[in-house]
Amino acid sequence: MPLEIISTKEIIKEHFNDKDLNSIDLTLDEKIIKKRIEIDAKKCITCNICVEVCPLKIISSNIPSSPKINHEKCVYCFSCLEACPVEVISIKYLTGRIVKNYLIVNSHGKNEELIYNNKKCIMCLVCKKNCPFGAIYESEGKIKFDMKKCTLCGYCGYLCPSNAIDFKGPIK
């Protein structure tokens, strides 16, 4: 599903039973971002390598079942996915916008490039304060990124109130 376009009128009709759909005009400038991480419990061999490699220690052993992930604290850095010997961990990024009564949804894989727009940046330092890897710092009144520490998890971009940080990844 690289690109999906859904009528917001269909969504409203299905979920809200709105009778006067012609009076609704939706446009949303903000991006909608949804991430999902899953472990296929049927294929997991419970080796717990994902538990060991998680830099935030938010994956816990759950033997004899597959490990448990604290979804609220996960930043989707792909460390567990890359370390899994049987490839049972999947991470999906869904991004979308509402434009002229249509929800446009893109699905992509791991972020491959960080895009920083210093003209949009308001120097609130939310990104720096919340980066779990300490990869963001301030120098000469500007935000800088230590790409040796950065995992391209996208957490800073998700938190940025001015949308100055964005990421690109392959379309899936």
N, C-alpha and C. Protein backbone atom coordinates (compact mmCIF):
# COMPACT_ATOMS: atom_id res chain seq x y z
N MET A 1 0.83 -1.18 0.00
CA MET A 1 0.00 0.00 0.00
C MET A 1 0.88 1.25 0.00
N PRO A 2 1.51 1.60 -1.12
CA PRO A 2 2.32 2.79 -1.14
C PRO A 2 1.51 4.07 -0.97
N LEU A 3 0.35 4.16 -1.62
CA LEU A 3 -0.46 5.37 -1.53
C LEU A 3 -1.92 4.96 -1.53
N GLU A 4 -2.66 5.51 -0.59
CA GLU A 4 -4.09 5.21 -0.49
C GLU A 4 -4.82 6.53 -0.30
N ILE A 5 -5.90 6.72 -1.02
CA ILE A 5 -6.71 7.93 -0.90
C ILE A 5 -8.10 7.53 -0.44
N ILE A 6 -8.53 8.08 0.69
CA ILE A 6 -9.80 7.71 1.29
C ILE A 6 -10.65 8.97 1.45
N SER A 7 -11.89 8.93 1.02
CA SER A 7 -12.80 10.07 1.17
C SER A 7 -13.13 10.25 2.65
N THR A 8 -12.94 11.47 3.16
CA THR A 8 -13.28 11.73 4.57
C THR A 8 -14.78 11.66 4.77
N LYS A 9 -15.55 11.92 3.73
CA LYS A 9 -17.01 11.82 3.83
C LYS A 9 -17.41 10.38 4.11
N GLU A 10 -16.70 9.42 3.51
CA GLU A 10 -16.97 8.00 3.79
C GLU A 10 -16.65 7.66 5.24
N ILE A 11 -15.56 8.20 5.74
CA ILE A 11 -15.16 7.96 7.14
C ILE A 11 -16.20 8.55 8.09
N ILE A 12 -16.61 9.79 7.83
CA ILE A 12 -17.59 10.45 8.68
C ILE A 12 -18.92 9.71 8.64
N LYS A 13 -19.33 9.32 7.45
CA LYS A 13 -20.60 8.60 7.29
C LYS A 13 -20.57 7.28 8.05
N GLU A 14 -19.43 6.57 7.95
CA GLU A 14 -19.31 5.27 8.60
C GLU A 14 -19.26 5.38 10.12
N HIS A 15 -18.54 6.38 10.64
CA HIS A 15 -18.30 6.45 12.08
C HIS A 15 -19.18 7.43 12.84
N PHE A 16 -19.75 8.41 12.15
CA PHE A 16 -20.51 9.43 12.86
C PHE A 16 -21.96 9.55 12.41
N ASN A 17 -22.34 8.79 11.41
CA ASN A 17 -23.71 8.82 10.89
C ASN A 17 -24.19 10.24 10.62
N ASP A 18 -23.32 11.08 10.08
CA ASP A 18 -23.68 12.47 9.77
C ASP A 18 -24.58 12.48 8.54
N LYS A 19 -25.71 13.14 8.67
CA LYS A 19 -26.68 13.16 7.57
C LYS A 19 -26.41 14.27 6.56
N ASP A 20 -25.80 15.37 7.00
CA ASP A 20 -25.56 16.50 6.11
C ASP A 20 -24.08 16.55 5.74
N LEU A 21 -23.65 15.64 4.87
CA LEU A 21 -22.24 15.55 4.50
C LEU A 21 -21.79 16.70 3.62
N ASN A 22 -22.70 17.38 2.96
CA ASN A 22 -22.32 18.49 2.09
C ASN A 22 -21.85 19.71 2.86
N SER A 23 -22.17 19.78 4.15
CA SER A 23 -21.76 20.93 4.96
C SER A 23 -20.35 20.75 5.53
N ILE A 24 -19.71 19.60 5.25
CA ILE A 24 -18.40 19.31 5.82
C ILE A 24 -17.32 19.54 4.77
N ASP A 25 -16.30 20.31 5.14
CA ASP A 25 -15.16 20.52 4.27
C ASP A 25 -13.91 20.41 5.14
N LEU A 26 -13.19 19.35 4.98
CA LEU A 26 -12.03 19.11 5.83
C LEU A 26 -10.73 19.29 5.07
N THR A 27 -9.81 20.02 5.69
CA THR A 27 -8.44 20.12 5.22
C THR A 27 -7.59 20.22 6.48
N LEU A 28 -6.52 19.47 6.52
CA LEU A 28 -5.64 19.46 7.69
C LEU A 28 -4.22 19.63 7.20
N ASP A 29 -3.57 20.71 7.59
CA ASP A 29 -2.21 20.98 7.14
C ASP A 29 -1.19 20.10 7.85
N GLU A 30 -1.49 19.73 9.08
CA GLU A 30 -0.55 18.91 9.84
C GLU A 30 -0.51 17.48 9.31
N LYS A 31 0.66 16.88 9.40
CA LYS A 31 0.79 15.48 9.02
C LYS A 31 0.20 14.60 10.10
N ILE A 32 -0.37 13.51 9.68
CA ILE A 32 -0.82 12.47 10.60
C ILE A 32 0.26 11.39 10.54
N ILE A 33 0.84 11.06 11.68
CA ILE A 33 1.91 10.06 11.68
C ILE A 33 1.50 8.92 12.61
N LYS A 34 1.58 7.73 12.11
CA LYS A 34 1.27 6.55 12.91
C LYS A 34 2.36 5.53 12.65
N LYS A 35 2.90 5.00 13.70
CA LYS A 35 3.93 3.96 13.57
C LYS A 35 3.43 2.73 14.27
N ARG A 36 3.84 1.59 13.77
CA ARG A 36 3.42 0.34 14.37
C ARG A 36 4.59 -0.63 14.36
N ILE A 37 4.84 -1.28 15.49
CA ILE A 37 5.87 -2.30 15.60
C ILE A 37 5.19 -3.58 16.07
N GLU A 38 5.54 -4.68 15.44
CA GLU A 38 4.92 -5.96 15.80
C GLU A 38 5.97 -7.07 15.80
N ILE A 39 5.77 -8.02 16.69
CA ILE A 39 6.55 -9.26 16.69
C ILE A 39 5.58 -10.37 16.35
N ASP A 40 5.90 -11.12 15.32
CA ASP A 40 5.07 -12.25 14.91
C ASP A 40 5.29 -13.39 15.91
N ALA A 41 4.37 -13.52 16.87
CA ALA A 41 4.50 -14.49 17.96
C ALA A 41 4.57 -15.94 17.46
N LYS A 42 3.95 -16.20 16.34
CA LYS A 42 3.96 -17.57 15.81
C LYS A 42 5.32 -17.97 15.27
N LYS A 43 6.09 -17.01 14.81
CA LYS A 43 7.41 -17.30 14.22
C LYS A 43 8.57 -16.99 15.15
N CYS A 44 8.33 -16.23 16.23
CA CYS A 44 9.39 -15.83 17.16
C CYS A 44 9.96 -17.05 17.87
N ILE A 45 11.30 -17.13 17.94
CA ILE A 45 11.96 -18.26 18.60
C ILE A 45 12.38 -17.91 20.04
N THR A 46 11.95 -16.77 20.54
CA THR A 46 12.23 -16.26 21.89
C THR A 46 13.72 -16.31 22.25
N CYS A 47 14.56 -15.90 21.30
CA CYS A 47 16.00 -15.83 21.57
C CYS A 47 16.35 -14.62 22.42
N ASN A 48 15.46 -13.62 22.46
CA ASN A 48 15.61 -12.39 23.25
C ASN A 48 16.78 -11.50 22.83
N ILE A 49 17.26 -11.66 21.61
CA ILE A 49 18.29 -10.76 21.11
C ILE A 49 17.74 -9.34 21.05
N CYS A 50 16.46 -9.20 20.68
CA CYS A 50 15.83 -7.87 20.62
C CYS A 50 15.85 -7.20 21.99
N VAL A 51 15.67 -7.97 23.04
CA VAL A 51 15.69 -7.45 24.41
C VAL A 51 17.07 -6.88 24.72
N GLU A 52 18.10 -7.60 24.29
CA GLU A 52 19.49 -7.20 24.56
C GLU A 52 19.92 -5.97 23.77
N VAL A 53 19.47 -5.84 22.51
CA VAL A 53 19.96 -4.75 21.66
C VAL A 53 19.15 -3.46 21.77
N CYS A 54 18.00 -3.50 22.39
CA CYS A 54 17.17 -2.29 22.48
C CYS A 54 17.91 -1.21 23.27
N PRO A 55 18.24 -0.07 22.63
CA PRO A 55 19.01 0.96 23.34
C PRO A 55 18.24 1.63 24.47
N LEU A 56 16.91 1.56 24.43
CA LEU A 56 16.10 2.20 25.47
C LEU A 56 15.61 1.21 26.52
N LYS A 57 15.92 -0.06 26.31
CA LYS A 57 15.52 -1.14 27.24
C LYS A 57 14.02 -1.17 27.47
N ILE A 58 13.25 -1.07 26.39
CA ILE A 58 11.79 -1.07 26.51
C ILE A 58 11.18 -2.37 25.99
N ILE A 59 12.03 -3.33 25.64
CA ILE A 59 11.56 -4.65 25.24
C ILE A 59 11.91 -5.59 26.38
N SER A 60 10.92 -6.33 26.86
CA SER A 60 11.16 -7.22 28.00
C SER A 60 10.91 -8.67 27.62
N SER A 61 11.65 -9.54 28.24
CA SER A 61 11.51 -10.98 28.01
C SER A 61 10.17 -11.44 28.54
N ASN A 62 9.58 -12.39 27.82
CA ASN A 62 8.26 -12.89 28.18
C ASN A 62 8.19 -14.40 27.94
N ILE A 63 9.27 -15.09 28.24
CA ILE A 63 9.37 -16.53 27.97
C ILE A 63 8.27 -17.26 28.73
N PRO A 64 7.56 -18.18 28.09
CA PRO A 64 7.80 -18.84 26.81
C PRO A 64 7.20 -18.11 25.61
N SER A 65 6.54 -16.98 25.82
CA SER A 65 5.95 -16.23 24.71
C SER A 65 6.98 -15.26 24.12
N SER A 66 6.59 -14.58 23.05
CA SER A 66 7.49 -13.60 22.43
C SER A 66 7.65 -12.40 23.35
N PRO A 67 8.76 -11.66 23.20
CA PRO A 67 9.01 -10.49 24.05
C PRO A 67 7.90 -9.44 23.94
N LYS A 68 7.78 -8.65 24.99
CA LYS A 68 6.79 -7.57 25.05
C LYS A 68 7.49 -6.24 24.77
N ILE A 69 6.84 -5.39 23.99
CA ILE A 69 7.38 -4.08 23.66
C ILE A 69 6.51 -3.01 24.32
N ASN A 70 7.15 -2.08 25.00
CA ASN A 70 6.42 -0.94 25.56
C ASN A 70 6.21 0.05 24.42
N HIS A 71 5.05 -0.02 23.78
CA HIS A 71 4.76 0.78 22.60
C HIS A 71 4.77 2.28 22.88
N GLU A 72 4.46 2.68 24.09
CA GLU A 72 4.43 4.11 24.42
C GLU A 72 5.82 4.72 24.46
N LYS A 73 6.85 3.92 24.74
CA LYS A 73 8.21 4.44 24.85
C LYS A 73 9.08 4.12 23.64
N CYS A 74 8.61 3.27 22.74
CA CYS A 74 9.39 2.89 21.56
C CYS A 74 9.55 4.08 20.63
N VAL A 75 10.79 4.29 20.13
CA VAL A 75 11.06 5.36 19.17
C VAL A 75 11.32 4.81 17.78
N TYR A 76 11.12 3.52 17.59
CA TYR A 76 11.21 2.89 16.27
C TYR A 76 12.57 3.10 15.62
N CYS A 77 13.62 2.76 16.36
CA CYS A 77 14.98 2.98 15.86
C CYS A 77 15.47 1.83 14.98
N PHE A 78 14.73 0.74 14.90
CA PHE A 78 15.03 -0.41 14.06
C PHE A 78 16.16 -1.29 14.60
N SER A 79 16.67 -1.02 15.81
CA SER A 79 17.75 -1.86 16.37
C SER A 79 17.29 -3.30 16.53
N CYS A 80 16.08 -3.49 17.05
CA CYS A 80 15.57 -4.84 17.28
C CYS A 80 15.30 -5.55 15.95
N LEU A 81 14.73 -4.82 15.01
CA LEU A 81 14.42 -5.39 13.71
C LEU A 81 15.68 -5.87 13.00
N GLU A 82 16.73 -5.06 13.02
CA GLU A 82 17.97 -5.42 12.35
C GLU A 82 18.70 -6.56 13.04
N ALA A 83 18.50 -6.73 14.35
CA ALA A 83 19.20 -7.79 15.08
C ALA A 83 18.46 -9.12 15.08
N CYS A 84 17.18 -9.12 14.77
CA CYS A 84 16.37 -10.34 14.84
C CYS A 84 16.87 -11.37 13.82
N PRO A 85 17.31 -12.53 14.28
CA PRO A 85 17.86 -13.54 13.36
C PRO A 85 16.82 -14.23 12.49
N VAL A 86 15.55 -14.18 12.89
CA VAL A 86 14.51 -14.86 12.11
C VAL A 86 13.53 -13.87 11.46
N GLU A 87 13.86 -12.58 11.53
CA GLU A 87 13.10 -11.53 10.85
C GLU A 87 11.60 -11.57 11.14
N VAL A 88 11.25 -11.60 12.42
CA VAL A 88 9.83 -11.64 12.81
C VAL A 88 9.33 -10.29 13.35
N ILE A 89 10.19 -9.28 13.37
CA ILE A 89 9.80 -7.96 13.85
C ILE A 89 9.55 -7.08 12.64
N SER A 90 8.42 -6.39 12.65
CA SER A 90 8.11 -5.47 11.55
C SER A 90 7.74 -4.11 12.11
N ILE A 91 8.17 -3.08 11.40
CA ILE A 91 7.86 -1.71 11.76
C ILE A 91 7.30 -1.05 10.51
N LYS A 92 6.16 -0.38 10.67
CA LYS A 92 5.55 0.32 9.55
C LYS A 92 5.30 1.76 9.95
N TYR A 93 5.60 2.65 9.04
CA TYR A 93 5.32 4.07 9.21
C TYR A 93 4.18 4.42 8.28
N LEU A 94 3.17 5.06 8.79
CA LEU A 94 2.08 5.57 7.97
C LEU A 94 2.04 7.08 8.16
N THR A 95 2.10 7.81 7.06
CA THR A 95 1.97 9.26 7.15
C THR A 95 0.85 9.69 6.24
N GLY A 96 0.17 10.73 6.62
CA GLY A 96 -0.94 11.18 5.79
C GLY A 96 -1.31 12.62 6.05
N ARG A 97 -2.15 13.11 5.18
CA ARG A 97 -2.70 14.46 5.29
C ARG A 97 -4.14 14.41 4.82
N ILE A 98 -4.94 15.33 5.31
CA ILE A 98 -6.30 15.48 4.81
C ILE A 98 -6.29 16.70 3.88
N VAL A 99 -6.64 16.46 2.63
CA VAL A 99 -6.66 17.51 1.62
C VAL A 99 -7.99 17.46 0.88
N LYS A 100 -8.74 18.55 0.93
CA LYS A 100 -10.01 18.68 0.22
C LYS A 100 -10.90 17.44 0.39
N ASN A 101 -11.15 17.11 1.63
CA ASN A 101 -12.05 16.00 1.99
C ASN A 101 -11.51 14.60 1.65
N TYR A 102 -10.21 14.46 1.45
CA TYR A 102 -9.63 13.14 1.22
C TYR A 102 -8.44 12.93 2.15
N LEU A 103 -8.38 11.76 2.74
CA LEU A 103 -7.25 11.37 3.56
C LEU A 103 -6.27 10.67 2.64
N ILE A 104 -5.08 11.21 2.51
CA ILE A 104 -4.04 10.63 1.64
C ILE A 104 -3.01 9.98 2.56
N VAL A 105 -2.83 8.67 2.43
CA VAL A 105 -1.97 7.90 3.32
C VAL A 105 -0.81 7.29 2.53
N ASN A 106 0.41 7.48 3.05
CA ASN A 106 1.60 6.84 2.49
C ASN A 106 2.15 5.87 3.52
N SER A 107 2.71 4.80 3.06
CA SER A 107 3.35 3.83 3.94
C SER A 107 4.81 3.72 3.51
N HIS A 108 5.72 3.81 4.47
CA HIS A 108 7.13 3.66 4.10
C HIS A 108 7.90 2.92 5.17
N GLY A 109 9.07 2.47 4.80
CA GLY A 109 9.92 1.70 5.70
C GLY A 109 10.84 2.60 6.49
N LYS A 110 11.97 2.05 6.88
CA LYS A 110 12.93 2.76 7.73
C LYS A 110 13.36 4.08 7.11
N ASN A 111 13.44 5.09 7.96
CA ASN A 111 13.94 6.39 7.52
C ASN A 111 15.36 6.23 7.00
N GLU A 112 15.65 6.88 5.89
CA GLU A 112 16.99 6.81 5.31
C GLU A 112 17.70 8.15 5.29
N GLU A 113 16.92 9.22 5.46
CA GLU A 113 17.52 10.55 5.38
C GLU A 113 16.79 11.51 6.31
N LEU A 114 17.57 12.29 7.06
CA LEU A 114 17.03 13.33 7.92
C LEU A 114 17.04 14.63 7.13
N ILE A 115 15.93 15.34 7.14
CA ILE A 115 15.84 16.61 6.44
C ILE A 115 15.52 17.69 7.47
N TYR A 116 16.43 18.63 7.63
CA TYR A 116 16.27 19.70 8.61
C TYR A 116 16.15 21.04 7.89
N ASN A 117 15.08 21.77 8.19
CA ASN A 117 14.85 23.08 7.59
C ASN A 117 15.05 24.13 8.68
N ASN A 118 16.23 24.74 8.70
CA ASN A 118 16.54 25.71 9.76
C ASN A 118 15.68 26.97 9.68
N LYS A 119 15.05 27.23 8.52
CA LYS A 119 14.17 28.40 8.41
C LYS A 119 12.87 28.18 9.17
N LYS A 120 12.44 26.93 9.31
CA LYS A 120 11.23 26.62 10.07
C LYS A 120 11.50 26.49 11.56
N CYS A 121 12.74 26.19 11.91
CA CYS A 121 13.12 25.92 13.31
C CYS A 121 12.92 27.16 14.18
N ILE A 122 12.26 26.97 15.33
CA ILE A 122 12.02 28.08 16.26
C ILE A 122 12.94 27.98 17.50
N MET A 123 13.90 27.07 17.44
CA MET A 123 14.90 26.88 18.51
C MET A 123 14.28 26.63 19.89
N CYS A 124 13.19 25.86 19.91
CA CYS A 124 12.56 25.52 21.18
C CYS A 124 13.34 24.42 21.91
N LEU A 125 14.17 23.70 21.18
CA LEU A 125 15.04 22.63 21.69
C LEU A 125 14.27 21.40 22.20
N VAL A 126 13.02 21.27 21.79
CA VAL A 126 12.25 20.08 22.16
C VAL A 126 12.95 18.83 21.62
N CYS A 127 13.47 18.92 20.41
CA CYS A 127 14.16 17.78 19.79
C CYS A 127 15.39 17.38 20.61
N LYS A 128 16.19 18.37 21.00
CA LYS A 128 17.42 18.11 21.76
C LYS A 128 17.10 17.50 23.12
N LYS A 129 16.10 18.06 23.79
CA LYS A 129 15.74 17.60 25.14
C LYS A 129 15.18 16.18 25.13
N ASN A 130 14.60 15.75 24.02
CA ASN A 130 13.93 14.46 23.99
C ASN A 130 14.61 13.39 23.16
N CYS A 131 15.72 13.70 22.51
CA CYS A 131 16.41 12.69 21.70
C CYS A 131 16.97 11.61 22.62
N PRO A 132 16.50 10.37 22.48
CA PRO A 132 16.96 9.31 23.38
C PRO A 132 18.41 8.89 23.15
N PHE A 133 19.02 9.36 22.06
CA PHE A 133 20.38 8.95 21.73
C PHE A 133 21.40 10.07 21.89
N GLY A 134 20.95 11.25 22.32
CA GLY A 134 21.86 12.38 22.51
C GLY A 134 22.51 12.83 21.21
N ALA A 135 21.79 12.72 20.11
CA ALA A 135 22.35 13.01 18.79
C ALA A 135 22.11 14.45 18.34
N ILE A 136 21.41 15.24 19.13
CA ILE A 136 21.09 16.61 18.73
C ILE A 136 21.75 17.58 19.71
N TYR A 137 22.41 18.59 19.17
CA TYR A 137 23.06 19.58 20.01
C TYR A 137 22.92 20.96 19.38
N GLU A 138 23.21 21.97 20.18
CA GLU A 138 23.11 23.35 19.70
C GLU A 138 24.52 23.89 19.53
N SER A 139 24.77 24.54 18.40
CA SER A 139 26.07 25.14 18.13
C SER A 139 25.87 26.42 17.33
N GLU A 140 26.44 27.50 17.84
CA GLU A 140 26.35 28.80 17.18
C GLU A 140 24.90 29.21 16.89
N GLY A 141 24.01 28.93 17.84
CA GLY A 141 22.61 29.30 17.72
C GLY A 141 21.82 28.48 16.72
N LYS A 142 22.34 27.33 16.34
CA LYS A 142 21.65 26.46 15.39
C LYS A 142 21.62 25.02 15.93
N ILE A 143 20.63 24.28 15.48
CA ILE A 143 20.52 22.87 15.83
C ILE A 143 21.45 22.08 14.92
N LYS A 144 22.19 21.15 15.50
CA LYS A 144 23.09 20.28 14.74
C LYS A 144 22.77 18.83 15.10
N PHE A 145 23.08 17.94 14.19
CA PHE A 145 22.81 16.51 14.37
C PHE A 145 24.11 15.73 14.27
N ASP A 146 24.36 14.90 15.27
CA ASP A 146 25.51 13.99 15.25
C ASP A 146 25.05 12.70 14.58
N MET A 147 25.34 12.56 13.31
CA MET A 147 24.82 11.42 12.54
C MET A 147 25.49 10.10 12.92
N LYS A 148 26.56 10.16 13.73
CA LYS A 148 27.15 8.91 14.23
C LYS A 148 26.29 8.34 15.37
N LYS A 149 25.60 9.21 16.10
CA LYS A 149 24.71 8.79 17.18
C LYS A 149 23.27 8.61 16.71
N CYS A 150 22.87 9.36 15.69
CA CYS A 150 21.49 9.35 15.21
C CYS A 150 21.14 8.00 14.57
N THR A 151 19.99 7.46 14.95
CA THR A 151 19.53 6.19 14.37
C THR A 151 18.44 6.42 13.32
N LEU A 152 18.11 7.69 13.05
CA LEU A 152 17.04 8.05 12.11
C LEU A 152 15.68 7.49 12.56
N CYS A 153 15.49 7.45 13.87
CA CYS A 153 14.24 6.89 14.40
C CYS A 153 13.03 7.79 14.11
N GLY A 154 13.28 9.10 13.93
CA GLY A 154 12.19 10.01 13.60
C GLY A 154 11.49 10.63 14.79
N TYR A 155 11.92 10.31 16.00
CA TYR A 155 11.25 10.82 17.19
C TYR A 155 11.32 12.34 17.27
N CYS A 156 12.45 12.93 16.92
CA CYS A 156 12.59 14.38 16.97
C CYS A 156 11.64 15.06 15.99
N GLY A 157 11.49 14.48 14.81
CA GLY A 157 10.58 15.03 13.82
C GLY A 157 9.13 14.93 14.25
N TYR A 158 8.81 13.86 14.94
CA TYR A 158 7.46 13.67 15.46
C TYR A 158 7.12 14.74 16.50
N LEU A 159 8.11 15.10 17.33
CA LEU A 159 7.89 16.07 18.40
C LEU A 159 8.00 17.52 17.96
N CYS A 160 8.68 17.79 16.87
CA CYS A 160 8.97 19.17 16.45
C CYS A 160 7.68 19.94 16.19
N PRO A 161 7.41 21.01 16.97
CA PRO A 161 6.16 21.75 16.80
C PRO A 161 6.10 22.59 15.52
N SER A 162 7.25 22.88 14.93
CA SER A 162 7.27 23.71 13.71
C SER A 162 7.53 22.90 12.45
N ASN A 163 7.56 21.58 12.58
CA ASN A 163 7.81 20.68 11.44
C ASN A 163 9.11 21.01 10.71
N ALA A 164 10.13 21.37 11.46
CA ALA A 164 11.44 21.70 10.87
C ALA A 164 12.26 20.44 10.60
N ILE A 165 11.88 19.32 11.19
CA ILE A 165 12.62 18.07 11.01
C ILE A 165 11.71 17.07 10.34
N ASP A 166 12.20 16.50 9.26
CA ASP A 166 11.43 15.51 8.53
C ASP A 166 12.36 14.38 8.11
N PHE A 167 11.79 13.31 7.64
CA PHE A 167 12.58 12.14 7.24
C PHE A 167 12.04 11.58 5.93
N LYS A 168 12.92 10.96 5.20
CA LYS A 168 12.53 10.25 3.99
C LYS A 168 12.91 8.79 4.13
N GLY A 169 12.06 7.94 3.60
CA GLY A 169 12.33 6.50 3.59
C GLY A 169 11.74 5.90 2.36
N PRO A 170 12.06 4.65 2.09
CA PRO A 170 11.52 4.01 0.87
C PRO A 170 10.03 3.76 0.98
N ILE A 171 9.33 3.98 -0.10
CA ILE A 171 7.90 3.68 -0.15
C ILE A 171 7.73 2.17 -0.18
N LYS A 172 6.80 1.69 0.63
CA LYS A 172 6.54 0.24 0.68
C LYS A 172 5.22 -0.06 0.05
